[in-house]
Amino acid sequence: EQHPEPGWHCQVVACVEGCFCPEGTLLHGGACLEPASCPCEWGSNSFPPGSVLQKDCGNCTCQEGQWRCGG
């Protein structure tokens, strides 16, 4: 007997079936992650949280799945 992946919550609600992440988490690559653990995409590459890239003479930091850029 198969069980859902840990962290997944599978249910049927109002004729919509499927797997959903617990409230406050996001689905990424088949896993439910806290927003602070979400990687960022740059081109076709994925970067872990806290990564810093230089862009247009400023630094961009990966935070909660988004690049935050400052001068």
N, C-alpha and C. Protein backbone atom coordinates (compact mmCIF):
# COMPACT_ATOMS: atom_id res chain seq x y z
N GLU A 1 0.85 -1.19 0.00
CA GLU A 1 0.00 0.00 0.00
C GLU A 1 0.89 1.24 0.00
N GLN A 2 0.60 2.16 -0.91
CA GLN A 2 1.42 3.36 -1.01
C GLN A 2 0.84 4.47 -0.14
N HIS A 3 1.75 5.26 0.40
CA HIS A 3 1.36 6.40 1.22
C HIS A 3 1.84 7.67 0.54
N PRO A 4 1.14 8.79 0.74
CA PRO A 4 1.61 10.05 0.16
C PRO A 4 2.98 10.43 0.70
N GLU A 5 3.69 11.24 -0.06
CA GLU A 5 4.99 11.73 0.40
C GLU A 5 4.80 12.51 1.70
N PRO A 6 5.80 12.48 2.58
CA PRO A 6 5.71 13.29 3.80
C PRO A 6 5.52 14.75 3.45
N GLY A 7 4.69 15.44 4.18
CA GLY A 7 4.47 16.85 3.94
C GLY A 7 3.35 17.12 2.94
N TRP A 8 2.85 16.08 2.29
CA TRP A 8 1.76 16.26 1.34
C TRP A 8 0.44 15.99 2.05
N HIS A 9 -0.59 16.68 1.61
CA HIS A 9 -1.92 16.47 2.16
C HIS A 9 -2.84 16.22 0.98
N CYS A 10 -3.22 14.97 0.79
CA CYS A 10 -4.07 14.62 -0.35
C CYS A 10 -5.52 14.50 0.11
N GLN A 11 -6.41 15.09 -0.67
CA GLN A 11 -7.81 15.08 -0.28
C GLN A 11 -8.68 15.37 -1.49
N VAL A 12 -9.97 15.14 -1.33
CA VAL A 12 -10.94 15.50 -2.35
C VAL A 12 -11.83 16.58 -1.75
N VAL A 13 -11.88 17.74 -2.43
CA VAL A 13 -12.67 18.86 -1.93
C VAL A 13 -13.49 19.41 -3.08
N ALA A 14 -14.79 19.46 -2.93
CA ALA A 14 -15.70 20.04 -3.92
C ALA A 14 -15.37 19.55 -5.33
N CYS A 15 -15.21 18.26 -5.48
CA CYS A 15 -14.97 17.64 -6.79
C CYS A 15 -13.62 18.00 -7.39
N VAL A 16 -12.70 18.53 -6.61
CA VAL A 16 -11.34 18.80 -7.08
C VAL A 16 -10.44 17.85 -6.32
N GLU A 17 -9.80 16.93 -7.05
CA GLU A 17 -8.93 15.99 -6.36
C GLU A 17 -7.49 16.26 -6.71
N GLY A 18 -6.60 15.84 -5.83
CA GLY A 18 -5.18 16.03 -6.06
C GLY A 18 -4.45 16.19 -4.76
N CYS A 19 -3.19 16.57 -4.87
CA CYS A 19 -2.34 16.74 -3.69
C CYS A 19 -2.05 18.22 -3.48
N PHE A 20 -2.11 18.62 -2.25
CA PHE A 20 -1.92 20.02 -1.90
C PHE A 20 -0.90 20.12 -0.77
N CYS A 21 -0.16 21.21 -0.76
CA CYS A 21 0.77 21.44 0.33
C CYS A 21 0.03 22.01 1.53
N PRO A 22 0.54 21.73 2.73
CA PRO A 22 -0.06 22.32 3.92
C PRO A 22 -0.03 23.84 3.84
N GLU A 23 -0.97 24.48 4.50
CA GLU A 23 -1.04 25.94 4.49
C GLU A 23 0.28 26.53 4.96
N GLY A 24 0.74 27.56 4.27
CA GLY A 24 1.99 28.20 4.63
C GLY A 24 3.21 27.61 3.95
N THR A 25 3.00 26.57 3.12
CA THR A 25 4.12 26.01 2.37
C THR A 25 3.80 26.07 0.88
N LEU A 26 4.84 25.92 0.06
CA LEU A 26 4.71 26.00 -1.38
C LEU A 26 5.26 24.74 -2.02
N LEU A 27 4.68 24.35 -3.15
CA LEU A 27 5.14 23.17 -3.87
C LEU A 27 6.30 23.55 -4.78
N HIS A 28 7.41 22.85 -4.65
CA HIS A 28 8.56 23.07 -5.52
C HIS A 28 9.24 21.74 -5.78
N GLY A 29 9.31 21.35 -7.03
CA GLY A 29 10.00 20.12 -7.40
C GLY A 29 9.44 18.88 -6.72
N GLY A 30 8.14 18.85 -6.49
CA GLY A 30 7.52 17.69 -5.88
C GLY A 30 7.61 17.66 -4.37
N ALA A 31 8.10 18.73 -3.76
CA ALA A 31 8.21 18.79 -2.30
C ALA A 31 7.55 20.07 -1.79
N CYS A 32 7.02 20.01 -0.58
CA CYS A 32 6.43 21.19 0.04
C CYS A 32 7.51 21.88 0.87
N LEU A 33 7.75 23.16 0.56
CA LEU A 33 8.80 23.91 1.23
C LEU A 33 8.23 25.12 1.94
N GLU A 34 8.89 25.51 3.04
CA GLU A 34 8.59 26.79 3.67
C GLU A 34 9.05 27.87 2.68
N PRO A 35 8.36 29.02 2.61
CA PRO A 35 8.78 30.07 1.68
C PRO A 35 10.26 30.44 1.83
N ALA A 36 10.77 30.45 3.05
CA ALA A 36 12.17 30.82 3.27
C ALA A 36 13.14 29.80 2.69
N SER A 37 12.66 28.59 2.38
CA SER A 37 13.51 27.54 1.82
C SER A 37 13.44 27.45 0.31
N CYS A 38 12.61 28.28 -0.32
CA CYS A 38 12.43 28.19 -1.76
C CYS A 38 13.65 28.73 -2.50
N PRO A 39 14.11 27.99 -3.51
CA PRO A 39 15.23 28.48 -4.32
C PRO A 39 14.76 29.56 -5.29
N CYS A 40 15.72 30.24 -5.91
CA CYS A 40 15.43 31.26 -6.92
C CYS A 40 15.93 30.78 -8.27
N GLU A 41 15.25 31.19 -9.32
CA GLU A 41 15.65 30.84 -10.67
C GLU A 41 16.32 32.04 -11.32
N TRP A 42 17.40 31.76 -12.04
CA TRP A 42 18.08 32.81 -12.81
C TRP A 42 18.44 32.16 -14.13
N GLY A 43 17.78 32.58 -15.20
CA GLY A 43 17.95 31.88 -16.47
C GLY A 43 17.41 30.47 -16.31
N SER A 44 18.22 29.49 -16.62
CA SER A 44 17.78 28.09 -16.46
C SER A 44 18.39 27.46 -15.22
N ASN A 45 19.00 28.27 -14.36
CA ASN A 45 19.66 27.76 -13.16
C ASN A 45 18.81 28.03 -11.92
N SER A 46 18.97 27.16 -10.93
CA SER A 46 18.28 27.30 -9.66
C SER A 46 19.32 27.55 -8.57
N PHE A 47 19.06 28.54 -7.72
CA PHE A 47 20.00 28.91 -6.67
C PHE A 47 19.35 28.78 -5.30
N PRO A 48 20.10 28.27 -4.31
CA PRO A 48 19.52 28.11 -2.96
C PRO A 48 19.31 29.45 -2.27
N PRO A 49 18.45 29.48 -1.24
CA PRO A 49 18.21 30.71 -0.50
C PRO A 49 19.52 31.27 0.05
N GLY A 50 19.65 32.59 0.02
CA GLY A 50 20.86 33.24 0.52
C GLY A 50 21.91 33.46 -0.54
N SER A 51 21.71 32.89 -1.74
CA SER A 51 22.66 33.10 -2.83
C SER A 51 22.67 34.57 -3.22
N VAL A 52 23.86 35.06 -3.60
CA VAL A 52 24.00 36.45 -4.02
C VAL A 52 24.59 36.48 -5.43
N LEU A 53 23.95 37.22 -6.32
CA LEU A 53 24.46 37.42 -7.68
C LEU A 53 24.64 38.91 -7.92
N GLN A 54 25.61 39.24 -8.77
CA GLN A 54 25.82 40.64 -9.12
C GLN A 54 25.10 40.94 -10.43
N LYS A 55 24.34 42.03 -10.43
CA LYS A 55 23.59 42.42 -11.63
C LYS A 55 23.58 43.94 -11.71
N ASP A 56 24.01 44.46 -12.85
CA ASP A 56 24.00 45.91 -13.07
C ASP A 56 24.65 46.67 -11.92
N CYS A 57 25.85 46.26 -11.55
CA CYS A 57 26.64 46.92 -10.49
C CYS A 57 25.97 46.87 -9.12
N GLY A 58 25.00 45.99 -8.93
CA GLY A 58 24.38 45.82 -7.62
C GLY A 58 24.30 44.35 -7.29
N ASN A 59 23.96 44.02 -6.06
CA ASN A 59 23.84 42.63 -5.65
C ASN A 59 22.38 42.25 -5.52
N CYS A 60 22.09 41.01 -5.93
CA CYS A 60 20.75 40.46 -5.76
C CYS A 60 20.86 39.23 -4.86
N THR A 61 20.00 39.15 -3.86
CA THR A 61 20.01 38.06 -2.90
C THR A 61 18.73 37.24 -3.04
N CYS A 62 18.87 35.92 -3.01
CA CYS A 62 17.71 35.03 -3.09
C CYS A 62 17.03 34.96 -1.73
N GLN A 63 15.77 35.43 -1.68
CA GLN A 63 14.98 35.39 -0.45
C GLN A 63 13.57 34.93 -0.77
N GLU A 64 13.15 33.83 -0.14
CA GLU A 64 11.79 33.32 -0.29
C GLU A 64 11.39 33.13 -1.75
N GLY A 65 12.32 32.61 -2.56
CA GLY A 65 12.02 32.29 -3.93
C GLY A 65 12.08 33.47 -4.89
N GLN A 66 12.48 34.66 -4.42
CA GLN A 66 12.55 35.83 -5.27
C GLN A 66 13.89 36.52 -5.09
N TRP A 67 14.35 37.16 -6.16
CA TRP A 67 15.59 37.94 -6.09
C TRP A 67 15.27 39.32 -5.57
N ARG A 68 15.98 39.73 -4.51
CA ARG A 68 15.83 41.08 -3.95
C ARG A 68 17.13 41.80 -4.29
N CYS A 69 16.99 42.85 -5.10
CA CYS A 69 18.17 43.55 -5.61
C CYS A 69 18.27 44.94 -5.02
N GLY A 70 19.50 45.32 -4.69
CA GLY A 70 19.78 46.63 -4.16
C GLY A 70 21.05 47.18 -4.79
N GLY A 71 21.24 48.49 -4.68
CA GLY A 71 22.41 49.12 -5.30
C GLY A 71 23.64 49.01 -4.45
